[in-house]
Amino acid sequence: MTTTFTRRRVLKAVPAAAAAATLPAPFISGAARAAGDPILIGVPTAQTAQAGVADHQDYLNGTTLAIEEINAAGGVLGRPLKTVVVDIDPLSPESGQVAINKLIDAKVHAMSCAFVFTPVPVADVSARYKAPFLWGLTQRNFTDILAKNPEEYGHIFQTDPSEVHYGYTFPVFLKAMRDQGIWKPINNGVHIVQEQIAYNQTISKALQSALPKSEFKLAGITDIQYPVQDWGSVIQEIKKIGAGAVMIDHWVAAEYAAFVKQFGADPLKGALVYLQYGPSQPEFLELSGPAAEGFVWSTVLGVYADDKGKEFRAKYKKRFPGIMGLCYTGNGYDVTYYLKAAWEAVGDPSKFKEVCDFVRKTPYRGVCGYMSMNNSLQECAHYPDTGDAIGAKELEQGMAQLFFQVQNAEHKIIYPDVLKESALRKAPWW
């Protein structure tokens, strides 16, 4: 498998980025630098884990860029920002607990993290400290728990919509693509190929619940287990079921790259193939090459391609050359500026409760859209509204789920229409 190689490649960049995040930005004049004790942001970052390294690196990079900009402009309340980076394994509850305890020992003023797959143990440790904790968790299972325990978890904010929307929105997206006329489905069936972690299972269940209310129907379900060593049997099952649309409900970019190469050699003609989220990670395009052309994916936490998003993309690519991740890069950047706004409004980063109250009550429009977490789940509203309790009827009331298609080796937004960069194109196997 190529996973180990790409992990090593990504890890080479981690120490340098971590060091950069803790130092003043380059090219800052002495007069512009903030003075005094630094305001500390704890950033648990997967560096040696089997999963999550690419997304966590993106998140740290986005945080680094924001801190460099803020410190260059004089810091926050006259003080510089500084990260405290600790290693974390997103799949290990014990690792998560150790990481948070280290940040508490460091007396950080806030915690900022991409995600973990075991949120409750991490949240429990953070609850004894109550510093603002913002993360792109994307897990309704946890925000449901938060809603029932606001006294315990009221300091924790999910800076994106939950994963249920991946399931709820998929039939809406399919209808839009069909109605545009580019994709002419061979039938209205939807085949779900599902991984076993809770995140993927929640997405699958949400899609299964949404299909009977749509113009599409469930054609079949195929189970897979990470790590997927060979996609051959799965592809044969896809061809056997013969659904018009296929959702590969997985999460590992390197394994998606292996899938697109095998599928391209023996495709189901006419099928729209959707790869759940994983292609957002830079290594997907690096490993897939031309085989990625035509595949579709989405994220509830993506950098827009509006003026604000384009400006950020340009700055990020200049600071971190190469293929840019389009999800957690922007999230780390936005969260840092969100905290800056909260600290400046409160006047003291040590006043955890007041800072949390500001974040809860005050929306923030970042490069990934509009964050408003003033609801019982303390998660961002989702656009478009699909009837979920936390939905937004207008774009600037929520965070848009962005659907991309790989076109000429680039990710292009094709839905929702208000944000699209390009129309859906015919995939090579149609």
Protein backbone atom coordinates (compact mmCIF):
# COMPACT_ATOMS: atom_id res chain seq x y z
CA MET A 1 0.00 0.00 0.00
CA THR A 2 1.06 3.62 -0.53
CA THR A 3 -0.34 4.82 2.79
CA THR A 4 2.91 4.35 4.73
CA PHE A 5 4.94 6.20 2.12
CA THR A 6 2.61 9.17 2.06
CA ARG A 7 2.48 9.28 5.85
CA ARG A 8 6.25 9.51 5.98
CA ARG A 9 6.25 12.20 3.32
CA VAL A 10 3.67 14.26 5.18
CA LEU A 11 5.41 13.78 8.52
CA LYS A 12 8.57 15.38 7.21
CA ALA A 13 6.70 18.68 7.06
CA VAL A 14 5.16 18.49 10.54
CA PRO A 15 8.09 19.54 12.74
CA ALA A 16 8.88 22.50 10.51
CA ALA A 17 5.29 23.71 10.49
CA ALA A 18 4.96 23.19 14.22
CA ALA A 19 8.08 25.24 14.79
CA ALA A 20 6.86 27.94 12.43
CA ALA A 21 3.58 28.15 14.30
CA THR A 22 5.38 28.90 17.55
CA LEU A 23 7.68 31.62 16.20
CA PRO A 24 7.07 35.17 14.99
CA ALA A 25 6.22 35.38 11.32
CA PRO A 26 9.12 35.85 8.93
CA PHE A 27 9.63 39.28 7.42
CA ILE A 28 7.98 41.06 10.39
CA SER A 29 9.67 44.27 11.44
CA GLY A 30 10.59 44.61 15.09
CA ALA A 31 8.27 47.60 15.45
CA ALA A 32 5.27 45.59 14.28
CA ARG A 33 5.77 42.69 16.65
CA ALA A 34 3.52 42.32 19.65
CA ALA A 35 5.10 42.29 23.08
CA GLY A 36 4.34 40.75 26.45
CA ASP A 37 3.39 37.24 27.45
CA PRO A 38 2.01 35.23 24.52
CA ILE A 39 -1.58 34.11 24.25
CA LEU A 40 -1.38 30.34 23.88
CA ILE A 41 -3.49 28.26 21.50
CA GLY A 42 -3.21 24.52 22.08
CA VAL A 43 -3.32 22.60 18.80
CA PRO A 44 -3.46 18.78 19.16
CA THR A 45 -2.00 17.59 15.86
CA ALA A 46 -1.68 14.04 14.52
CA GLN A 47 1.99 13.58 13.67
CA THR A 48 2.75 9.87 14.24
CA ALA A 49 -0.72 8.32 13.90
CA GLN A 50 -1.98 5.92 11.24
CA ALA A 51 -4.89 8.25 10.38
CA GLY A 52 -5.60 11.96 10.21
CA VAL A 53 -2.06 13.22 9.57
CA ALA A 54 -2.88 15.04 6.32
CA ASP A 55 -5.97 16.82 7.66
CA HIS A 56 -4.25 17.74 10.91
CA GLN A 57 -1.26 19.09 9.00
CA ASP A 58 -3.64 21.21 6.91
CA TYR A 59 -5.24 22.52 10.09
CA LEU A 60 -1.88 23.41 11.64
CA ASN A 61 -0.81 25.14 8.43
CA GLY A 62 -3.97 27.27 8.38
CA THR A 63 -3.47 28.14 12.04
CA THR A 64 0.16 29.03 11.36
CA LEU A 65 -0.79 31.38 8.53
CA ALA A 66 -3.38 33.17 10.66
CA ILE A 67 -0.98 33.55 13.60
CA GLU A 68 1.74 34.95 11.37
CA GLU A 69 -0.68 37.51 9.96
CA ILE A 70 -2.07 38.47 13.36
CA ASN A 71 1.36 38.82 14.96
CA ALA A 72 2.56 40.88 12.00
CA ALA A 73 -0.32 43.27 12.66
CA GLY A 74 0.49 43.67 16.35
CA GLY A 75 -1.01 40.55 17.91
CA VAL A 76 -4.10 40.44 20.11
CA LEU A 77 -4.50 42.96 22.92
CA GLY A 78 -0.88 43.86 22.28
CA ARG A 79 0.28 40.30 22.92
CA PRO A 80 1.64 37.78 20.40
CA LEU A 81 -0.14 34.52 19.65
CA LYS A 82 1.75 31.28 20.01
CA THR A 83 0.77 27.66 19.47
CA VAL A 84 1.43 24.77 21.78
CA VAL A 85 1.48 21.74 19.47
CA VAL A 86 1.10 18.25 20.96
CA ASP A 87 0.92 14.92 19.17
CA ILE A 88 -2.42 13.08 19.14
CA ASP A 89 -3.77 9.87 17.64
CA PRO A 90 -7.34 10.64 16.49
CA LEU A 91 -8.30 6.96 16.83
CA SER A 92 -7.01 6.54 20.40
CA PRO A 93 -8.99 7.81 23.41
CA GLU A 94 -5.93 7.43 25.62
CA SER A 95 -3.79 9.51 23.27
CA GLY A 96 -6.47 12.18 23.19
CA GLN A 97 -6.58 12.37 26.96
CA VAL A 98 -2.80 12.64 27.23
CA ALA A 99 -2.74 15.41 24.62
CA ILE A 100 -5.39 17.51 26.37
CA ASN A 101 -3.71 17.06 29.76
CA LYS A 102 -0.47 18.38 28.25
CA LEU A 103 -2.28 21.46 27.00
CA ILE A 104 -3.87 22.02 30.40
CA ASP A 105 -0.44 21.74 32.00
CA ALA A 106 0.81 24.35 29.52
CA LYS A 107 -2.02 26.68 30.64
CA VAL A 108 -3.25 27.37 27.12
CA HIS A 109 -5.93 30.01 26.64
CA ALA A 110 -7.86 27.99 24.05
CA MET A 111 -7.76 24.66 22.25
CA SER A 112 -8.10 24.38 18.49
CA CYS A 113 -8.19 21.02 16.71
CA ALA A 114 -9.16 19.42 13.42
CA PHE A 115 -10.98 16.35 14.79
CA VAL A 116 -10.72 13.06 16.65
CA PHE A 117 -12.73 9.89 16.22
CA THR A 118 -13.11 9.39 19.98
CA PRO A 119 -14.45 12.78 21.11
CA VAL A 120 -16.01 11.95 24.49
CA PRO A 121 -12.78 11.02 26.36
CA VAL A 122 -11.11 14.13 24.92
CA ALA A 123 -14.05 16.32 25.89
CA ASP A 124 -14.18 14.87 29.39
CA VAL A 125 -10.58 15.83 30.11
CA SER A 126 -11.03 19.33 28.68
CA ALA A 127 -14.12 19.82 30.87
CA ARG A 128 -12.01 20.06 34.01
CA TYR A 129 -10.28 23.13 32.53
CA LYS A 130 -13.08 24.76 30.52
CA ALA A 131 -10.88 26.73 28.11
CA PRO A 132 -12.68 27.43 24.81
CA PHE A 133 -12.32 24.33 22.63
CA LEU A 134 -13.10 24.73 18.93
CA TRP A 135 -12.81 21.82 16.50
CA GLY A 136 -14.04 20.67 13.10
CA LEU A 137 -15.37 17.45 14.58
CA THR A 138 -18.25 16.81 12.14
CA GLN A 139 -19.96 14.33 14.48
CA ARG A 140 -23.62 14.58 15.47
CA ASN A 141 -23.18 11.74 17.95
CA PHE A 142 -21.10 14.06 20.09
CA THR A 143 -23.09 17.27 19.62
CA ASP A 144 -26.19 15.33 20.74
CA ILE A 145 -24.30 14.46 23.94
CA LEU A 146 -23.26 18.11 24.33
CA ALA A 147 -26.87 19.25 24.05
CA LYS A 148 -27.82 16.99 26.96
CA ASN A 149 -24.85 18.12 29.09
CA PRO A 150 -24.37 21.87 28.50
CA GLU A 151 -22.82 22.46 31.91
CA GLU A 152 -20.15 19.85 31.23
CA TYR A 153 -19.46 20.60 27.56
CA GLY A 154 -20.60 24.18 27.03
CA HIS A 155 -17.01 25.27 26.31
CA ILE A 156 -16.81 23.03 23.21
CA PHE A 157 -17.85 24.26 19.77
CA GLN A 158 -18.11 22.31 16.51
CA THR A 159 -16.99 24.72 13.83
CA ASP A 160 -18.75 22.91 11.00
CA PRO A 161 -22.05 21.10 10.37
CA SER A 162 -22.31 17.44 11.36
CA GLU A 163 -21.73 14.43 9.12
CA VAL A 164 -25.45 13.58 8.92
CA HIS A 165 -25.72 16.19 6.17
CA TYR A 166 -23.56 14.10 3.87
CA GLY A 167 -26.38 11.59 3.84
CA TYR A 168 -29.27 14.05 3.84
CA THR A 169 -27.88 16.18 1.00
CA PHE A 170 -26.74 13.44 -1.38
CA PRO A 171 -30.16 12.84 -3.03
CA VAL A 172 -30.62 16.61 -3.37
CA PHE A 173 -27.29 16.84 -5.16
CA LEU A 174 -28.09 13.89 -7.43
CA LYS A 175 -31.36 15.48 -8.49
CA ALA A 176 -29.61 18.75 -9.28
CA MET A 177 -26.99 17.00 -11.40
CA ARG A 178 -29.62 14.96 -13.24
CA ASP A 179 -31.77 18.02 -13.88
CA GLN A 180 -28.82 19.89 -15.40
CA GLY A 181 -28.78 17.21 -18.08
CA ILE A 182 -25.08 16.36 -18.09
CA TRP A 183 -25.53 13.20 -16.03
CA LYS A 184 -28.15 10.86 -17.44
CA PRO A 185 -28.49 8.16 -14.76
CA ILE A 186 -28.83 4.59 -15.91
CA ASN A 187 -31.41 4.20 -13.10
CA ASN A 188 -32.42 5.87 -9.83
CA GLY A 189 -30.57 3.40 -7.62
CA VAL A 190 -27.97 4.39 -5.04
CA HIS A 191 -25.32 1.89 -3.93
CA ILE A 192 -23.60 2.59 -0.58
CA VAL A 193 -20.12 1.15 0.02
CA GLN A 194 -19.62 1.77 3.74
CA GLU A 195 -16.68 1.65 6.13
CA GLN A 196 -17.28 0.57 9.72
CA ILE A 197 -16.25 3.51 11.92
CA ALA A 198 -19.11 5.41 13.56
CA TYR A 199 -18.56 8.47 11.36
CA ASN A 200 -19.14 6.51 8.14
CA GLN A 201 -21.99 4.50 9.62
CA THR A 202 -23.80 7.70 10.61
CA ILE A 203 -23.47 9.02 7.06
CA SER A 204 -24.82 5.78 5.64
CA LYS A 205 -27.81 5.73 8.00
CA ALA A 206 -28.62 9.36 7.21
CA LEU A 207 -28.57 8.62 3.47
CA GLN A 208 -30.74 5.55 3.95
CA SER A 209 -33.28 7.64 5.85
CA ALA A 210 -33.24 10.37 3.18
CA LEU A 211 -33.67 8.16 0.10
CA PRO A 212 -37.34 7.22 0.64
CA LYS A 213 -38.21 10.93 0.69
CA SER A 214 -36.38 11.53 -2.60
CA GLU A 215 -36.61 10.45 -6.23
CA PHE A 216 -33.87 7.88 -5.67
CA LYS A 217 -33.85 4.49 -3.97
CA LEU A 218 -31.42 2.25 -2.15
CA ALA A 219 -29.97 -0.32 -4.55
CA GLY A 220 -27.58 -2.08 -2.18
CA ILE A 221 -25.05 -1.83 0.63
CA THR A 222 -21.52 -3.23 0.59
CA ASP A 223 -19.35 -3.32 3.72
CA ILE A 224 -15.63 -2.57 3.64
CA GLN A 225 -13.05 -2.54 6.44
CA TYR A 226 -10.03 -0.27 6.75
CA PRO A 227 -7.41 -0.92 5.51
CA VAL A 228 -8.75 -1.94 2.11
CA GLN A 229 -5.99 -3.99 0.49
CA ASP A 230 -7.72 -4.55 -2.86
CA TRP A 231 -10.83 -2.95 -4.38
CA GLY A 232 -11.36 -5.67 -6.97
CA SER A 233 -14.21 -7.48 -5.21
CA VAL A 234 -15.91 -4.18 -4.34
CA ILE A 235 -15.80 -3.05 -7.96
CA GLN A 236 -17.30 -6.33 -9.08
CA GLU A 237 -20.11 -5.81 -6.56
CA ILE A 238 -20.64 -2.26 -7.90
CA LYS A 239 -20.98 -3.64 -11.41
CA LYS A 240 -23.26 -6.45 -10.25
CA ILE A 241 -25.67 -4.11 -8.45
CA GLY A 242 -25.46 -1.62 -11.33
CA ALA A 243 -26.80 1.47 -9.52
CA GLY A 244 -26.94 4.84 -11.22
CA ALA A 245 -25.04 6.46 -8.33
CA VAL A 246 -22.40 5.01 -6.02
CA MET A 247 -21.31 6.49 -2.68
CA ILE A 248 -17.95 5.20 -1.46
CA ASP A 249 -18.46 6.02 2.22
CA HIS A 250 -14.82 5.85 3.31
CA TRP A 251 -12.21 8.36 4.57
CA VAL A 252 -8.63 7.45 3.56
CA ALA A 253 -7.16 9.44 0.65
CA ALA A 254 -4.50 6.90 -0.29
CA GLU A 255 -7.07 4.11 -0.48
CA TYR A 256 -9.39 6.28 -2.57
CA ALA A 257 -6.47 6.77 -4.96
CA ALA A 258 -6.14 3.01 -5.31
CA PHE A 259 -9.90 2.75 -5.89
CA VAL A 260 -10.06 5.28 -8.75
CA LYS A 261 -7.22 3.53 -10.56
CA GLN A 262 -8.89 0.13 -10.30
CA PHE A 263 -12.34 1.47 -11.12
CA GLY A 264 -11.03 3.34 -14.15
CA ALA A 265 -9.69 0.07 -15.53
CA ASP A 266 -13.05 -1.69 -15.11
CA PRO A 267 -15.82 0.88 -14.57
CA LEU A 268 -19.60 0.75 -14.29
CA LYS A 269 -20.51 2.80 -17.33
CA GLY A 270 -22.79 5.75 -16.68
CA ALA A 271 -22.54 5.66 -12.88
CA LEU A 272 -21.92 8.84 -10.92
CA VAL A 273 -19.26 7.85 -8.39
CA TYR A 274 -18.98 9.92 -5.23
CA LEU A 275 -16.02 9.57 -2.87
CA GLN A 276 -16.90 10.69 0.65
CA TYR A 277 -14.63 13.57 1.72
CA GLY A 278 -11.22 11.84 1.46
CA PRO A 279 -10.19 13.40 -1.89
CA SER A 280 -9.94 16.72 -0.03
CA GLN A 281 -6.54 15.60 1.26
CA PRO A 282 -3.66 16.71 -1.00
CA GLU A 283 -2.24 13.21 -1.37
CA PHE A 284 -5.35 12.06 -3.27
CA LEU A 285 -4.47 14.04 -6.39
CA GLU A 286 -0.78 13.30 -5.95
CA LEU A 287 -1.35 9.55 -5.86
CA SER A 288 -4.28 9.31 -8.30
CA GLY A 289 -2.89 11.31 -11.17
CA PRO A 290 -5.12 11.29 -14.28
CA ALA A 291 -7.24 8.46 -12.83
CA ALA A 292 -9.00 10.97 -10.54
CA GLU A 293 -10.65 12.76 -13.46
CA GLY A 294 -14.45 12.90 -13.23
CA PHE A 295 -14.90 11.67 -9.67
CA VAL A 296 -17.08 13.69 -7.31
CA TRP A 297 -16.68 14.40 -3.58
CA SER A 298 -17.95 16.88 -1.02
CA THR A 299 -17.24 18.51 2.31
CA VAL A 300 -19.35 20.38 4.86
CA LEU A 301 -16.19 22.33 5.72
CA GLY A 302 -14.58 23.72 2.59
CA VAL A 303 -12.84 26.89 1.45
CA TYR A 304 -15.20 28.87 -0.76
CA ALA A 305 -14.12 30.15 -4.17
CA ASP A 306 -15.66 33.61 -3.60
CA ASP A 307 -13.41 36.68 -3.29
CA LYS A 308 -12.64 35.96 0.37
CA GLY A 309 -11.86 32.32 -0.35
CA LYS A 310 -9.71 33.11 -3.38
CA GLU A 311 -7.66 35.59 -1.39
CA PHE A 312 -7.03 32.98 1.27
CA ARG A 313 -6.14 30.30 -1.27
CA ALA A 314 -3.55 32.59 -2.87
CA LYS A 315 -1.95 33.45 0.49
CA TYR A 316 -1.92 29.84 1.60
CA LYS A 317 -0.33 28.55 -1.61
CA LYS A 318 2.38 31.19 -1.37
CA ARG A 319 3.14 30.21 2.24
CA PHE A 320 2.76 26.44 1.70
CA PRO A 321 3.53 25.58 -1.95
CA GLY A 322 2.09 22.45 -3.54
CA ILE A 323 -1.36 20.91 -3.73
CA MET A 324 -3.60 22.67 -1.24
CA GLY A 325 -6.10 20.90 0.96
CA LEU A 326 -9.43 22.69 0.70
CA CYS A 327 -10.97 21.85 4.07
CA TYR A 328 -9.00 22.04 7.30
CA THR A 329 -6.60 24.65 5.92
CA GLY A 330 -9.41 27.20 6.02
CA ASN A 331 -10.87 25.89 9.26
CA GLY A 332 -7.65 26.34 11.23
CA TYR A 333 -7.33 29.83 9.77
CA ASP A 334 -10.92 30.79 10.58
CA VAL A 335 -10.85 29.45 14.13
CA THR A 336 -7.74 31.50 14.93
CA TYR A 337 -9.40 34.70 13.73
CA TYR A 338 -12.61 33.76 15.56
CA LEU A 339 -10.65 33.45 18.80
CA LYS A 340 -8.92 36.78 18.07
CA ALA A 341 -12.33 38.47 17.78
CA ALA A 342 -13.52 36.86 21.02
CA TRP A 343 -10.39 37.81 22.99
CA GLU A 344 -10.51 41.40 21.78
CA ALA A 345 -14.20 41.68 22.66
CA VAL A 346 -13.74 40.23 26.15
CA GLY A 347 -10.42 41.96 26.81
CA ASP A 348 -8.82 39.07 28.68
CA PRO A 349 -8.11 35.61 27.18
CA SER A 350 -8.05 34.12 30.70
CA LYS A 351 -11.78 34.75 31.11
CA PHE A 352 -12.80 31.42 29.64
CA LYS A 353 -16.53 31.70 30.32
CA GLU A 354 -16.84 35.15 28.80
CA VAL A 355 -14.87 34.08 25.72
CA CYS A 356 -17.11 31.03 25.31
CA ASP A 357 -20.19 33.19 25.66
CA PHE A 358 -18.91 35.44 22.87
CA VAL A 359 -18.25 32.50 20.54
CA ARG A 360 -21.67 31.05 21.30
CA LYS A 361 -23.58 34.27 20.68
CA THR A 362 -21.53 35.94 17.96
CA PRO A 363 -21.40 34.52 14.41
CA TYR A 364 -18.24 34.73 12.34
CA ARG A 365 -17.92 34.75 8.54
CA GLY A 366 -14.68 33.11 7.49
CA VAL A 367 -13.14 31.69 4.34
CA CYS A 368 -15.17 28.48 4.88
CA GLY A 369 -18.46 30.33 5.26
CA TYR A 370 -20.71 31.53 8.05
CA MET A 371 -20.20 30.04 11.50
CA SER A 372 -23.11 30.41 13.91
CA MET A 373 -23.11 28.00 16.86
CA ASN A 374 -25.80 29.60 19.03
CA ASN A 375 -27.91 26.44 19.24
CA SER A 376 -28.23 23.57 21.69
CA LEU A 377 -25.76 21.42 19.72
CA GLN A 378 -23.21 24.23 19.41
CA GLU A 379 -22.51 23.23 15.81
CA CYS A 380 -22.64 25.27 12.62
CA ALA A 381 -25.82 25.42 10.59
CA HIS A 382 -25.77 23.63 7.23
CA TYR A 383 -26.62 25.08 3.82
CA PRO A 384 -28.65 24.05 1.92
CA ASP A 385 -31.43 23.38 4.39
CA THR A 386 -32.53 19.73 4.12
CA GLY A 387 -34.97 19.76 7.04
CA ASP A 388 -32.44 18.97 9.77
CA ALA A 389 -32.79 20.85 13.06
CA ILE A 390 -29.61 22.81 12.34
CA GLY A 391 -30.20 24.03 8.80
CA ALA A 392 -29.85 27.37 7.02
CA LYS A 393 -32.29 28.60 4.37
CA GLU A 394 -29.89 31.32 3.18
CA LEU A 395 -26.21 30.98 2.32
CA GLU A 396 -25.11 33.67 4.75
CA GLN A 397 -26.95 31.98 7.61
CA GLY A 398 -24.93 28.77 7.49
CA MET A 399 -21.93 26.91 6.14
CA ALA A 400 -22.35 25.54 2.64
CA GLN A 401 -21.66 21.92 1.83
CA LEU A 402 -19.42 22.10 -1.23
CA PHE A 403 -19.55 19.42 -3.92
CA PHE A 404 -16.44 19.16 -6.09
CA GLN A 405 -15.54 17.31 -9.26
CA VAL A 406 -11.97 16.58 -10.30
CA GLN A 407 -11.53 18.43 -13.59
CA ASN A 408 -8.15 18.61 -15.31
CA ALA A 409 -6.38 17.54 -12.10
CA GLU A 410 -8.06 20.27 -10.03
CA HIS A 411 -10.99 20.30 -7.60
CA LYS A 412 -13.81 22.49 -8.92
CA ILE A 413 -16.96 23.40 -6.98
CA ILE A 414 -19.99 22.21 -8.96
CA TYR A 415 -22.71 22.62 -6.29
CA PRO A 416 -24.46 24.51 -4.72
CA ASP A 417 -25.14 26.77 -7.69
CA VAL A 418 -24.59 30.00 -5.74
CA LEU A 419 -20.94 29.05 -5.16
CA LYS A 420 -20.08 26.87 -8.15
CA GLU A 421 -16.93 27.39 -10.18
CA SER A 422 -17.81 24.96 -12.96
CA ALA A 423 -20.64 22.77 -14.20
CA LEU A 424 -20.53 19.00 -13.85
CA ARG A 425 -18.62 17.40 -16.72
CA LYS A 426 -19.00 13.98 -18.25
CA ALA A 427 -16.81 11.47 -16.47
CA PRO A 428 -14.45 9.41 -18.68
CA TRP A 429 -16.54 6.24 -18.16
CA TRP A 430 -19.94 7.77 -19.02
